[in-house]
Amino acid sequence: MKPVIIQREAAVELEEDMAWYEKRQSGLGLDLQSEVEKTIIRLRQDPSLGMRFRNTPFQFIRVKRFPYVVYFREFDDVIWVIAIAHGRRKPGY
């Protein structure tokens, strides 16, 4: 399995969204984090699960249970996560 590097901005955005969910219901922010982590594990195991994003070198994979999408690019030796975005608030992010 290839290592995954998460862009700092993507990690910060996830932390902010976790805090938003946590304010609405205790534990929900941690649930979001857990689902994103599971998605990244699936991605590491099989990067071909990702779908091509438009006409770019980037791919995306959906997070289960939450309306989030992980955008990434696979290189020979690493998978680079460039965004973890809410799919409905920022379509086409």
C-alpha atoms as a PDB file:
ATOM      1  CA  MET A   1       0.000   0.000   0.000  1.00  0.00           C
ATOM      2  CA  LYS A   2       1.129   3.483  -0.816  1.00  0.00           C
ATOM      3  CA  PRO A   3       1.419   6.117   1.894  1.00  0.00           C
ATOM      4  CA  VAL A   4      -1.164   8.901   1.910  1.00  0.00           C
ATOM      5  CA  ILE A   5      -0.220  12.544   2.310  1.00  0.00           C
ATOM      6  CA  ILE A   6      -3.056  14.860   3.294  1.00  0.00           C
ATOM      7  CA  GLN A   7      -2.667  18.467   2.179  1.00  0.00           C
ATOM      8  CA  ARG A   8      -2.677  20.774   5.213  1.00  0.00           C
ATOM      9  CA  GLU A   9      -5.640  22.772   3.918  1.00  0.00           C
ATOM     10  CA  ALA A  10      -7.664  19.553   3.553  1.00  0.00           C
ATOM     11  CA  ALA A  11      -6.890  18.556   7.146  1.00  0.00           C
ATOM     12  CA  VAL A  12      -7.848  22.011   8.443  1.00  0.00           C
ATOM     13  CA  GLU A  13     -11.109  21.967   6.525  1.00  0.00           C
ATOM     14  CA  LEU A  14     -11.938  18.531   7.947  1.00  0.00           C
ATOM     15  CA  GLU A  15     -11.228  19.758  11.488  1.00  0.00           C
ATOM     16  CA  GLU A  16     -13.548  22.740  10.969  1.00  0.00           C
ATOM     17  CA  ASP A  17     -16.307  20.509   9.617  1.00  0.00           C
ATOM     18  CA  MET A  18     -15.856  18.068  12.496  1.00  0.00           C
ATOM     19  CA  ALA A  19     -16.339  20.961  14.931  1.00  0.00           C
ATOM     20  CA  TRP A  20     -19.496  22.034  13.057  1.00  0.00           C
ATOM     21  CA  TYR A  21     -20.974  18.522  13.344  1.00  0.00           C
ATOM     22  CA  GLU A  22     -19.910  18.234  16.965  1.00  0.00           C
ATOM     23  CA  LYS A  23     -21.867  21.408  17.837  1.00  0.00           C
ATOM     24  CA  ARG A  24     -24.995  19.846  16.372  1.00  0.00           C
ATOM     25  CA  GLN A  25     -24.664  16.498  18.128  1.00  0.00           C
ATOM     26  CA  SER A  26     -22.048  15.211  20.539  1.00  0.00           C
ATOM     27  CA  GLY A  27     -19.906  12.523  18.898  1.00  0.00           C
ATOM     28  CA  LEU A  28     -20.988  13.316  15.344  1.00  0.00           C
ATOM     29  CA  GLY A  29     -17.734  15.127  14.550  1.00  0.00           C
ATOM     30  CA  LEU A  30     -15.777  12.038  15.586  1.00  0.00           C
ATOM     31  CA  ASP A  31     -18.086   9.919  13.434  1.00  0.00           C
ATOM     32  CA  LEU A  32     -17.194  12.099  10.439  1.00  0.00           C
ATOM     33  CA  GLN A  33     -13.495  11.691  11.205  1.00  0.00           C
ATOM     34  CA  SER A  34     -13.899   7.920  11.490  1.00  0.00           C
ATOM     35  CA  GLU A  35     -15.716   7.669   8.145  1.00  0.00           C
ATOM     36  CA  VAL A  36     -13.066   9.802   6.418  1.00  0.00           C
ATOM     37  CA  GLU A  37     -10.333   7.587   7.901  1.00  0.00           C
ATOM     38  CA  LYS A  38     -12.145   4.467   6.637  1.00  0.00           C
ATOM     39  CA  THR A  39     -12.396   6.068   3.199  1.00  0.00           C
ATOM     40  CA  ILE A  40      -8.660   6.776   3.149  1.00  0.00           C
ATOM     41  CA  ILE A  41      -7.939   3.175   4.168  1.00  0.00           C
ATOM     42  CA  ARG A  42     -10.112   1.948   1.275  1.00  0.00           C
ATOM     43  CA  LEU A  43      -8.259   4.356  -0.996  1.00  0.00           C
ATOM     44  CA  ARG A  44      -4.876   3.051   0.142  1.00  0.00           C
ATOM     45  CA  GLN A  45      -5.975  -0.518  -0.464  1.00  0.00           C
ATOM     46  CA  ASP A  46      -7.320   0.189  -3.951  1.00  0.00           C
ATOM     47  CA  PRO A  47      -6.795   3.645  -5.492  1.00  0.00           C
ATOM     48  CA  SER A  48      -8.715   2.506  -8.572  1.00  0.00           C
ATOM     49  CA  LEU A  49     -11.913   2.912  -6.515  1.00  0.00           C
ATOM     50  CA  GLY A  50     -11.626   6.621  -7.215  1.00  0.00           C
ATOM     51  CA  MET A  51     -13.452   8.166 -10.122  1.00  0.00           C
ATOM     52  CA  ARG A  52     -11.790  10.673 -12.453  1.00  0.00           C
ATOM     53  CA  PHE A  53     -12.713  14.293 -11.677  1.00  0.00           C
ATOM     54  CA  ARG A  54     -13.754  15.907 -14.935  1.00  0.00           C
ATOM     55  CA  ASN A  55     -10.875  16.217 -17.379  1.00  0.00           C
ATOM     56  CA  THR A  56      -8.142  16.459 -14.734  1.00  0.00           C
ATOM     57  CA  PRO A  57      -5.466  14.143 -13.325  1.00  0.00           C
ATOM     58  CA  PHE A  58      -7.399  14.114 -10.030  1.00  0.00           C
ATOM     59  CA  GLN A  59      -9.794  11.498  -8.735  1.00  0.00           C
ATOM     60  CA  PHE A  60     -12.388  11.415  -5.998  1.00  0.00           C
ATOM     61  CA  ILE A  61     -13.999   8.894  -3.693  1.00  0.00           C
ATOM     62  CA  ARG A  62     -17.154   9.406  -1.657  1.00  0.00           C
ATOM     63  CA  VAL A  63     -17.283   9.108   2.128  1.00  0.00           C
ATOM     64  CA  LYS A  64     -19.964   6.761   3.431  1.00  0.00           C
ATOM     65  CA  ARG A  65     -22.680   8.107   5.754  1.00  0.00           C
ATOM     66  CA  PHE A  66     -21.696  11.762   5.230  1.00  0.00           C
ATOM     67  CA  PRO A  67     -21.997  13.953   2.113  1.00  0.00           C
ATOM     68  CA  TYR A  68     -18.226  14.313   1.760  1.00  0.00           C
ATOM     69  CA  VAL A  69     -15.801  13.630  -1.035  1.00  0.00           C
ATOM     70  CA  VAL A  70     -12.051  12.988  -0.817  1.00  0.00           C
ATOM     71  CA  TYR A  71     -10.180  14.408  -3.819  1.00  0.00           C
ATOM     72  CA  PHE A  72      -6.782  12.909  -4.523  1.00  0.00           C
ATOM     73  CA  ARG A  73      -4.057  12.257  -7.025  1.00  0.00           C
ATOM     74  CA  GLU A  74      -2.154   9.025  -7.248  1.00  0.00           C
ATOM     75  CA  PHE A  75       1.562   9.114  -7.982  1.00  0.00           C
ATOM     76  CA  ASP A  76       3.988   6.210  -8.394  1.00  0.00           C
ATOM     77  CA  ASP A  77       4.995   6.220  -4.730  1.00  0.00           C
ATOM     78  CA  VAL A  78       2.279   8.153  -2.866  1.00  0.00           C
ATOM     79  CA  ILE A  79      -1.369   9.158  -2.818  1.00  0.00           C
ATOM     80  CA  TRP A  80      -1.833  12.889  -2.308  1.00  0.00           C
ATOM     81  CA  VAL A  81      -5.155  14.026  -0.784  1.00  0.00           C
ATOM     82  CA  ILE A  82      -5.801  17.578  -1.895  1.00  0.00           C
ATOM     83  CA  ALA A  83      -9.266  18.152  -0.420  1.00  0.00           C
ATOM     84  CA  ILE A  84     -11.871  16.657   1.879  1.00  0.00           C
ATOM     85  CA  ALA A  85     -14.952  18.606   0.929  1.00  0.00           C
ATOM     86  CA  HIS A  86     -18.674  18.653   1.568  1.00  0.00           C
ATOM     87  CA  GLY A  87     -20.136  17.440  -1.713  1.00  0.00           C
ATOM     88  CA  ARG A  88     -23.307  19.494  -1.520  1.00  0.00           C
ATOM     89  CA  ARG A  89     -21.989  22.790  -0.196  1.00  0.00           C
ATOM     90  CA  LYS A  90     -19.061  22.875  -2.592  1.00  0.00           C
ATOM     91  CA  PRO A  91     -19.962  20.840  -5.677  1.00  0.00           C
ATOM     92  CA  GLY A  92     -17.106  20.644  -8.117  1.00  0.00           C
ATOM     93  CA  TYR A  93     -14.715  21.746  -5.394  1.00  0.00           C
END
